[in-house]
Amino acid sequence: MLTKRKKANEIAKSRRHDTDTGSPEVQVAVLTRRIEELSVHLDKNRKDKHGRRGLLGLVADRRKHLKYLEATNRRAYGTLVRKLGLKK
């Protein structure tokens, strides 16, 4: 589960300015952290089909945000993909 402290750390690493909480970079970073934690959970709990469906939704949401960011700001997209270690 993503705690407030973990979420705040992800926001602090990815934000554009001090009060930024909703930019695509921040949203992708938070979604990536949630996806990583849910993946670990699903490795231990293979029969959790509802959790797996939630994971697929998170991955789809992250893909949409990345597609938007790539279309609007290619430099920020490249920086974010390298920083988070995502495949292009």
PDB file of N, CA and C in Angstrom:
ATOM      1  N   MET A   1       0.843  -1.180   0.000  1.00  0.00           N
ATOM      2  CA  MET A   1       0.000   0.000   0.000  1.00  0.00           C
ATOM      3  C   MET A   1       0.883   1.236   0.000  1.00  0.00           C
ATOM      4  N   LEU A   2       0.492   2.209  -0.750  1.00  0.00           N
ATOM      5  CA  LEU A   2       1.240   3.452  -0.862  1.00  0.00           C
ATOM      6  C   LEU A   2       0.847   4.377   0.290  1.00  0.00           C
ATOM      7  N   THR A   3       1.776   4.587   1.213  1.00  0.00           N
ATOM      8  CA  THR A   3       1.500   5.448   2.361  1.00  0.00           C
ATOM      9  C   THR A   3       1.666   6.914   1.972  1.00  0.00           C
ATOM     10  N   LYS A   4       1.217   7.789   2.841  1.00  0.00           N
ATOM     11  CA  LYS A   4       1.323   9.220   2.569  1.00  0.00           C
ATOM     12  C   LYS A   4       2.780   9.643   2.428  1.00  0.00           C
ATOM     13  N   ARG A   5       3.644   9.065   3.242  1.00  0.00           N
ATOM     14  CA  ARG A   5       5.058   9.431   3.198  1.00  0.00           C
ATOM     15  C   ARG A   5       5.697   9.006   1.876  1.00  0.00           C
ATOM     16  N   LYS A   6       5.395   7.788   1.422  1.00  0.00           N
ATOM     17  CA  LYS A   6       5.946   7.301   0.154  1.00  0.00           C
ATOM     18  C   LYS A   6       5.434   8.147  -1.017  1.00  0.00           C
ATOM     19  N   LYS A   7       4.144   8.476  -0.964  1.00  0.00           N
ATOM     20  CA  LYS A   7       3.562   9.292  -2.028  1.00  0.00           C
ATOM     21  C   LYS A   7       4.187  10.686  -2.040  1.00  0.00           C
ATOM     22  N   ALA A   8       4.404  11.257  -0.862  1.00  0.00           N
ATOM     23  CA  ALA A   8       5.020  12.578  -0.771  1.00  0.00           C
ATOM     24  C   ALA A   8       6.445  12.547  -1.312  1.00  0.00           C
ATOM     25  N   ASN A   9       7.169  11.461  -1.075  1.00  0.00           N
ATOM     26  CA  ASN A   9       8.527  11.330  -1.618  1.00  0.00           C
ATOM     27  C   ASN A   9       8.509  11.293  -3.138  1.00  0.00           C
ATOM     28  N   GLU A  10       7.588  10.539  -3.708  1.00  0.00           N
ATOM     29  CA  GLU A  10       7.491  10.453  -5.161  1.00  0.00           C
ATOM     30  C   GLU A  10       7.118  11.808  -5.762  1.00  0.00           C
ATOM     31  N   ILE A  11       6.225  12.512  -5.106  1.00  0.00           N
ATOM     32  CA  ILE A  11       5.826  13.835  -5.587  1.00  0.00           C
ATOM     33  C   ILE A  11       7.012  14.799  -5.521  1.00  0.00           C
ATOM     34  N   ALA A  12       7.761  14.745  -4.415  1.00  0.00           N
ATOM     35  CA  ALA A  12       8.906  15.645  -4.254  1.00  0.00           C
ATOM     36  C   ALA A  12       9.980  15.390  -5.306  1.00  0.00           C
ATOM     37  N   LYS A  13      10.165  14.146  -5.706  1.00  0.00           N
ATOM     38  CA  LYS A  13      11.185  13.818  -6.701  1.00  0.00           C
ATOM     39  C   LYS A  13      10.802  14.283  -8.102  1.00  0.00           C
ATOM     40  N   SER A  14       9.519  14.326  -8.409  1.00  0.00           N
ATOM     41  CA  SER A  14       9.072  14.519  -9.787  1.00  0.00           C
ATOM     42  C   SER A  14       8.428  15.857 -10.077  1.00  0.00           C
ATOM     43  N   ARG A  15       8.184  16.676  -9.093  1.00  0.00           N
ATOM     44  CA  ARG A  15       7.404  17.884  -9.335  1.00  0.00           C
ATOM     45  C   ARG A  15       8.177  18.946 -10.099  1.00  0.00           C
ATOM     46  N   ARG A  16       7.414  19.789 -10.787  1.00  0.00           N
ATOM     47  CA  ARG A  16       7.990  20.876 -11.583  1.00  0.00           C
ATOM     48  C   ARG A  16       8.327  22.091 -10.713  1.00  0.00           C
ATOM     49  N   HIS A  17       7.480  22.365  -9.717  1.00  0.00           N
ATOM     50  CA  HIS A  17       7.687  23.485  -8.806  1.00  0.00           C
ATOM     51  C   HIS A  17       7.183  23.081  -7.434  1.00  0.00           C
ATOM     52  N   ASP A  18       7.293  23.952  -6.453  1.00  0.00           N
ATOM     53  CA  ASP A  18       7.032  23.600  -5.053  1.00  0.00           C
ATOM     54  C   ASP A  18       5.618  23.123  -4.777  1.00  0.00           C
ATOM     55  N   THR A  19       4.626  23.654  -5.477  1.00  0.00           N
ATOM     56  CA  THR A  19       3.242  23.292  -5.181  1.00  0.00           C
ATOM     57  C   THR A  19       2.660  22.338  -6.212  1.00  0.00           C
ATOM     58  N   ASP A  20       3.495  21.731  -7.032  1.00  0.00           N
ATOM     59  CA  ASP A  20       3.033  20.857  -8.106  1.00  0.00           C
ATOM     60  C   ASP A  20       2.655  19.485  -7.552  1.00  0.00           C
ATOM     61  N   THR A  21       1.405  19.094  -7.760  1.00  0.00           N
ATOM     62  CA  THR A  21       0.970  17.751  -7.368  1.00  0.00           C
ATOM     63  C   THR A  21       0.213  17.045  -8.483  1.00  0.00           C
ATOM     64  N   GLY A  22      -0.062  17.721  -9.592  1.00  0.00           N
ATOM     65  CA  GLY A  22      -0.920  17.126 -10.601  1.00  0.00           C
ATOM     66  C   GLY A  22      -0.350  17.073 -11.997  1.00  0.00           C
ATOM     67  N   SER A  23       0.905  17.452 -12.166  1.00  0.00           N
ATOM     68  CA  SER A  23       1.483  17.411 -13.509  1.00  0.00           C
ATOM     69  C   SER A  23       1.617  15.957 -13.967  1.00  0.00           C
ATOM     70  N   PRO A  24       1.697  15.728 -15.263  1.00  0.00           N
ATOM     71  CA  PRO A  24       1.819  14.350 -15.756  1.00  0.00           C
ATOM     72  C   PRO A  24       3.031  13.623 -15.183  1.00  0.00           C
ATOM     73  N   GLU A  25       4.133  14.345 -14.966  1.00  0.00           N
ATOM     74  CA  GLU A  25       5.326  13.715 -14.411  1.00  0.00           C
ATOM     75  C   GLU A  25       5.052  13.159 -13.020  1.00  0.00           C
ATOM     76  N   VAL A  26       4.383  13.945 -12.198  1.00  0.00           N
ATOM     77  CA  VAL A  26       4.062  13.508 -10.830  1.00  0.00           C
ATOM     78  C   VAL A  26       3.096  12.335 -10.874  1.00  0.00           C
ATOM     79  N   GLN A  27       2.080  12.419 -11.711  1.00  0.00           N
ATOM     80  CA  GLN A  27       1.092  11.343 -11.779  1.00  0.00           C
ATOM     81  C   GLN A  27       1.724  10.042 -12.237  1.00  0.00           C
ATOM     82  N   VAL A  28       2.618  10.109 -13.220  1.00  0.00           N
ATOM     83  CA  VAL A  28       3.285   8.897 -13.695  1.00  0.00           C
ATOM     84  C   VAL A  28       4.182   8.321 -12.602  1.00  0.00           C
ATOM     85  N   ALA A  29       4.876   9.178 -11.867  1.00  0.00           N
ATOM     86  CA  ALA A  29       5.748   8.697 -10.796  1.00  0.00           C
ATOM     87  C   ALA A  29       4.948   7.987  -9.702  1.00  0.00           C
ATOM     88  N   VAL A  30       3.829   8.556  -9.313  1.00  0.00           N
ATOM     89  CA  VAL A  30       2.993   7.943  -8.275  1.00  0.00           C
ATOM     90  C   VAL A  30       2.395   6.628  -8.779  1.00  0.00           C
ATOM     91  N   LEU A  31       1.924   6.628 -10.013  1.00  0.00           N
ATOM     92  CA  LEU A  31       1.374   5.395 -10.587  1.00  0.00           C
ATOM     93  C   LEU A  31       2.439   4.309 -10.684  1.00  0.00           C
ATOM     94  N   THR A  32       3.648   4.681 -11.051  1.00  0.00           N
ATOM     95  CA  THR A  32       4.731   3.705 -11.143  1.00  0.00           C
ATOM     96  C   THR A  32       5.011   3.078  -9.793  1.00  0.00           C
ATOM     97  N   ARG A  33       5.023   3.885  -8.756  1.00  0.00           N
ATOM     98  CA  ARG A  33       5.261   3.366  -7.400  1.00  0.00           C
ATOM     99  C   ARG A  33       4.137   2.415  -6.988  1.00  0.00           C
ATOM    100  N   ARG A  34       2.885   2.777  -7.287  1.00  0.00           N
ATOM    101  CA  ARG A  34       1.758   1.901  -6.966  1.00  0.00           C
ATOM    102  C   ARG A  34       1.842   0.592  -7.742  1.00  0.00           C
ATOM    103  N   ILE A  35       2.241   0.663  -9.003  1.00  0.00           N
ATOM    104  CA  ILE A  35       2.368  -0.527  -9.836  1.00  0.00           C
ATOM    105  C   ILE A  35       3.446  -1.446  -9.278  1.00  0.00           C
ATOM    106  N   GLU A  36       4.575  -0.884  -8.859  1.00  0.00           N
ATOM    107  CA  GLU A  36       5.654  -1.694  -8.290  1.00  0.00           C
ATOM    108  C   GLU A  36       5.194  -2.414  -7.027  1.00  0.00           C
ATOM    109  N   GLU A  37       4.499  -1.701  -6.149  1.00  0.00           N
ATOM    110  CA  GLU A  37       4.045  -2.318  -4.904  1.00  0.00           C
ATOM    111  C   GLU A  37       2.985  -3.383  -5.159  1.00  0.00           C
ATOM    112  N   LEU A  38       2.092  -3.135  -6.095  1.00  0.00           N
ATOM    113  CA  LEU A  38       1.057  -4.115  -6.407  1.00  0.00           C
ATOM    114  C   LEU A  38       1.654  -5.341  -7.092  1.00  0.00           C
ATOM    115  N   SER A  39       2.692  -5.148  -7.876  1.00  0.00           N
ATOM    116  CA  SER A  39       3.357  -6.281  -8.524  1.00  0.00           C
ATOM    117  C   SER A  39       3.988  -7.203  -7.492  1.00  0.00           C
ATOM    118  N   VAL A  40       4.600  -6.624  -6.477  1.00  0.00           N
ATOM    119  CA  VAL A  40       5.182  -7.434  -5.399  1.00  0.00           C
ATOM    120  C   VAL A  40       4.087  -8.220  -4.680  1.00  0.00           C
ATOM    121  N   HIS A  41       2.971  -7.573  -4.417  1.00  0.00           N
ATOM    122  CA  HIS A  41       1.840  -8.233  -3.762  1.00  0.00           C
ATOM    123  C   HIS A  41       1.339  -9.409  -4.600  1.00  0.00           C
ATOM    124  N   LEU A  42       1.236  -9.197  -5.918  1.00  0.00           N
ATOM    125  CA  LEU A  42       0.696 -10.239  -6.782  1.00  0.00           C
ATOM    126  C   LEU A  42       1.673 -11.399  -6.970  1.00  0.00           C
ATOM    127  N   ASP A  43       2.971 -11.153  -6.788  1.00  0.00           N
ATOM    128  CA  ASP A  43       3.932 -12.254  -6.816  1.00  0.00           C
ATOM    129  C   ASP A  43       3.693 -13.202  -5.644  1.00  0.00           C
ATOM    130  N   LYS A  44       3.324 -12.655  -4.509  1.00  0.00           N
ATOM    131  CA  LYS A  44       3.068 -13.470  -3.310  1.00  0.00           C
ATOM    132  C   LYS A  44       1.670 -14.078  -3.331  1.00  0.00           C
ATOM    133  N   ASN A  45       0.706 -13.382  -3.915  1.00  0.00           N
ATOM    134  CA  ASN A  45      -0.700 -13.789  -3.901  1.00  0.00           C
ATOM    135  C   ASN A  45      -1.170 -14.016  -5.330  1.00  0.00           C
ATOM    136  N   ARG A  46      -0.839 -15.146  -5.868  1.00  0.00           N
ATOM    137  CA  ARG A  46      -1.102 -15.426  -7.278  1.00  0.00           C
ATOM    138  C   ARG A  46      -2.586 -15.503  -7.617  1.00  0.00           C
ATOM    139  N   LYS A  47      -3.423 -15.837  -6.668  1.00  0.00           N
ATOM    140  CA  LYS A  47      -4.845 -16.007  -6.962  1.00  0.00           C
ATOM    141  C   LYS A  47      -5.667 -14.740  -6.767  1.00  0.00           C
ATOM    142  N   ASP A  48      -5.022 -13.638  -6.509  1.00  0.00           N
ATOM    143  CA  ASP A  48      -5.722 -12.378  -6.300  1.00  0.00           C
ATOM    144  C   ASP A  48      -6.099 -11.780  -7.660  1.00  0.00           C
ATOM    145  N   LYS A  49      -7.198 -12.241  -8.207  1.00  0.00           N
ATOM    146  CA  LYS A  49      -7.622 -11.801  -9.541  1.00  0.00           C
ATOM    147  C   LYS A  49      -8.109 -10.353  -9.543  1.00  0.00           C
ATOM    148  N   HIS A  50      -8.732  -9.923  -8.466  1.00  0.00           N
ATOM    149  CA  HIS A  50      -9.219  -8.544  -8.390  1.00  0.00           C
ATOM    150  C   HIS A  50      -8.035  -7.573  -8.333  1.00  0.00           C
ATOM    151  N   GLY A  51      -7.001  -7.942  -7.605  1.00  0.00           N
ATOM    152  CA  GLY A  51      -5.805  -7.107  -7.560  1.00  0.00           C
ATOM    153  C   GLY A  51      -5.128  -7.027  -8.915  1.00  0.00           C
ATOM    154  N   ARG A  52      -5.133  -8.129  -9.636  1.00  0.00           N
ATOM    155  CA  ARG A  52      -4.528  -8.155 -10.971  1.00  0.00           C
ATOM    156  C   ARG A  52      -5.290  -7.231 -11.924  1.00  0.00           C
ATOM    157  N   ARG A  53      -6.598  -7.216 -11.784  1.00  0.00           N
ATOM    158  CA  ARG A  53      -7.400  -6.322 -12.629  1.00  0.00           C
ATOM    159  C   ARG A  53      -7.098  -4.864 -12.300  1.00  0.00           C
ATOM    160  N   GLY A  54      -6.937  -4.575 -11.019  1.00  0.00           N
ATOM    161  CA  GLY A  54      -6.550  -3.223 -10.623  1.00  0.00           C
ATOM    162  C   GLY A  54      -5.198  -2.827 -11.182  1.00  0.00           C
ATOM    163  N   LEU A  55      -4.263  -3.780 -11.185  1.00  0.00           N
ATOM    164  CA  LEU A  55      -2.942  -3.518 -11.746  1.00  0.00           C
ATOM    165  C   LEU A  55      -3.033  -3.181 -13.230  1.00  0.00           C
ATOM    166  N   LEU A  56      -3.830  -3.901 -13.959  1.00  0.00           N
ATOM    167  CA  LEU A  56      -3.989  -3.628 -15.386  1.00  0.00           C
ATOM    168  C   LEU A  56      -4.565  -2.233 -15.616  1.00  0.00           C
ATOM    169  N   GLY A  57      -5.485  -1.818 -14.756  1.00  0.00           N
ATOM    170  CA  GLY A  57      -6.036  -0.468 -14.862  1.00  0.00           C
ATOM    171  C   GLY A  57      -4.990   0.598 -14.601  1.00  0.00           C
ATOM    172  N   LEU A  58      -4.123   0.370 -13.599  1.00  0.00           N
ATOM    173  CA  LEU A  58      -3.061   1.322 -13.296  1.00  0.00           C
ATOM    174  C   LEU A  58      -2.066   1.430 -14.451  1.00  0.00           C
ATOM    175  N   VAL A  59      -1.733   0.292 -15.034  1.00  0.00           N
ATOM    176  CA  VAL A  59      -0.793   0.287 -16.160  1.00  0.00           C
ATOM    177  C   VAL A  59      -1.390   1.039 -17.348  1.00  0.00           C
ATOM    178  N   ALA A  60      -2.673   0.827 -17.603  1.00  0.00           N
ATOM    179  CA  ALA A  60      -3.333   1.531 -18.702  1.00  0.00           C
ATOM    180  C   ALA A  60      -3.368   3.034 -18.439  1.00  0.00           C
ATOM    181  N   ASP A  61      -3.644   3.417 -17.209  1.00  0.00           N
ATOM    182  CA  ASP A  61      -3.692   4.835 -16.854  1.00  0.00           C
ATOM    183  C   ASP A  61      -2.314   5.474 -17.021  1.00  0.00           C
ATOM    184  N   ARG A  62      -1.262   4.763 -16.572  1.00  0.00           N
ATOM    185  CA  ARG A  62       0.092   5.285 -16.728  1.00  0.00           C
ATOM    186  C   ARG A  62       0.458   5.431 -18.202  1.00  0.00           C
ATOM    187  N   ARG A  63       0.040   4.454 -19.001  1.00  0.00           N
ATOM    188  CA  ARG A  63       0.333   4.512 -20.441  1.00  0.00           C
ATOM    189  C   ARG A  63      -0.313   5.737 -21.073  1.00  0.00           C
ATOM    190  N   LYS A  64      -1.547   6.051 -20.665  1.00  0.00           N
ATOM    191  CA  LYS A  64      -2.232   7.230 -21.204  1.00  0.00           C
ATOM    192  C   LYS A  64      -1.502   8.516 -20.822  1.00  0.00           C
ATOM    193  N   HIS A  65      -1.067   8.609 -19.565  1.00  0.00           N
ATOM    194  CA  HIS A  65      -0.337   9.797 -19.120  1.00  0.00           C
ATOM    195  C   HIS A  65       0.983   9.936 -19.868  1.00  0.00           C
ATOM    196  N   LEU A  66       1.678   8.825 -20.071  1.00  0.00           N
ATOM    197  CA  LEU A  66       2.941   8.875 -20.799  1.00  0.00           C
ATOM    198  C   LEU A  66       2.731   9.271 -22.256  1.00  0.00           C
ATOM    199  N   LYS A  67       1.676   8.776 -22.847  1.00  0.00           N
ATOM    200  CA  LYS A  67       1.370   9.133 -24.238  1.00  0.00           C
ATOM    201  C   LYS A  67       1.089  10.626 -24.349  1.00  0.00           C
ATOM    202  N   TYR A  68       0.329  11.170 -23.408  1.00  0.00           N
ATOM    203  CA  TYR A  68       0.034  12.604 -23.391  1.00  0.00           C
ATOM    204  C   TYR A  68       1.322  13.417 -23.222  1.00  0.00           C
ATOM    205  N   LEU A  69       2.164  12.994 -22.279  1.00  0.00           N
ATOM    206  CA  LEU A  69       3.405  13.717 -22.022  1.00  0.00           C
ATOM    207  C   LEU A  69       4.328  13.672 -23.227  1.00  0.00           C
ATOM    208  N   GLU A  70       4.386  12.540 -23.895  1.00  0.00           N
ATOM    209  CA  GLU A  70       5.217  12.414 -25.085  1.00  0.00           C
ATOM    210  C   GLU A  70       4.726  13.350 -26.195  1.00  0.00           C
ATOM    211  N   ALA A  71       3.433  13.482 -26.326  1.00  0.00           N
ATOM    212  CA  ALA A  71       2.869  14.331 -27.373  1.00  0.00           C
ATOM    213  C   ALA A  71       3.059  15.817 -27.081  1.00  0.00           C
ATOM    214  N   THR A  72       3.063  16.202 -25.814  1.00  0.00           N
ATOM    215  CA  THR A  72       3.118  17.623 -25.472  1.00  0.00           C
ATOM    216  C   THR A  72       4.517  18.115 -25.136  1.00  0.00           C
ATOM    217  N   ASN A  73       5.344  17.258 -24.520  1.00  0.00           N
ATOM    218  CA  ASN A  73       6.665  17.706 -24.064  1.00  0.00           C
ATOM    219  C   ASN A  73       7.638  16.539 -24.141  1.00  0.00           C
ATOM    220  N   ARG A  74       8.284  16.369 -25.290  1.00  0.00           N
ATOM    221  CA  ARG A  74       9.161  15.215 -25.514  1.00  0.00           C
ATOM    222  C   ARG A  74      10.371  15.220 -24.591  1.00  0.00           C
ATOM    223  N   ARG A  75      10.888  16.386 -24.270  1.00  0.00           N
ATOM    224  CA  ARG A  75      12.059  16.454 -23.388  1.00  0.00           C
ATOM    225  C   ARG A  75      11.715  15.953 -21.987  1.00  0.00           C
ATOM    226  N   ALA A  76      10.592  16.392 -21.457  1.00  0.00           N
ATOM    227  CA  ALA A  76      10.167  15.945 -20.124  1.00  0.00           C
ATOM    228  C   ALA A  76       9.857  14.449 -20.134  1.00  0.00           C
ATOM    229  N   TYR A  77       9.293  13.982 -21.235  1.00  0.00           N
ATOM    230  CA  TYR A  77       8.996  12.551 -21.371  1.00  0.00           C
ATOM    231  C   TYR A  77      10.281  11.727 -21.303  1.00  0.00           C
ATOM    232  N   GLY A  78      11.292  12.124 -22.071  1.00  0.00           N
ATOM    233  CA  GLY A  78      12.556  11.388 -22.078  1.00  0.00           C
ATOM    234  C   GLY A  78      13.226  11.401 -20.721  1.00  0.00           C
ATOM    235  N   THR A  79      13.207  12.540 -20.065  1.00  0.00           N
ATOM    236  CA  THR A  79      13.802  12.651 -18.734  1.00  0.00           C
ATOM    237  C   THR A  79      13.088  11.751 -17.736  1.00  0.00           C
ATOM    238  N   LEU A  80      11.781  11.756 -17.789  1.00  0.00           N
ATOM    239  CA  LEU A  80      10.993  10.956 -16.847  1.00  0.00           C
ATOM    240  C   LEU A  80      11.189   9.466 -17.077  1.00  0.00           C
ATOM    241  N   VAL A  81      11.226   9.041 -18.316  1.00  0.00           N
ATOM    242  CA  VAL A  81      11.403   7.611 -18.629  1.00  0.00           C
ATOM    243  C   VAL A  81      12.762   7.143 -18.120  1.00  0.00           C
ATOM    244  N   ARG A  82      13.798   7.968 -18.314  1.00  0.00           N
ATOM    245  CA  ARG A  82      15.134   7.590 -17.819  1.00  0.00           C
ATOM    246  C   ARG A  82      15.155   7.565 -16.309  1.00  0.00           C
ATOM    247  N   LYS A  83      14.538   8.551 -15.682  1.00  0.00           N
ATOM    248  CA  LYS A  83      14.574   8.663 -14.215  1.00  0.00           C
ATOM    249  C   LYS A  83      13.844   7.500 -13.548  1.00  0.00           C
ATOM    250  N   LEU A  84      12.706   7.097 -14.113  1.00  0.00           N
ATOM    251  CA  LEU A  84      11.936   6.031 -13.505  1.00  0.00           C
ATOM    252  C   LEU A  84      12.375   4.641 -13.980  1.00  0.00           C
ATOM    253  N   GLY A  85      13.218   4.594 -15.007  1.00  0.00           N
ATOM    254  CA  GLY A  85      13.700   3.323 -15.505  1.00  0.00           C
ATOM    255  C   GLY A  85      12.635   2.546 -16.273  1.00  0.00           C
ATOM    256  N   LEU A  86      11.777   3.262 -16.988  1.00  0.00           N
ATOM    257  CA  LEU A  86      10.720   2.616 -17.750  1.00  0.00           C
ATOM    258  C   LEU A  86      11.204   2.272 -19.147  1.00  0.00           C
ATOM    259  N   LYS A  87      10.588   1.269 -19.733  1.00  0.00           N
ATOM    260  CA  LYS A  87      10.879   0.954 -21.122  1.00  0.00           C
ATOM    261  C   LYS A  87      10.136   1.944 -21.989  1.00  0.00           C
ATOM    262  N   LYS A  88      10.727   2.292 -23.101  1.00  0.00           N
ATOM    263  CA  LYS A  88      10.056   3.228 -24.012  1.00  0.00           C
ATOM    264  C   LYS A  88       9.035   2.517 -24.846  1.00  0.00           C
TER     265      LYS A  88
END
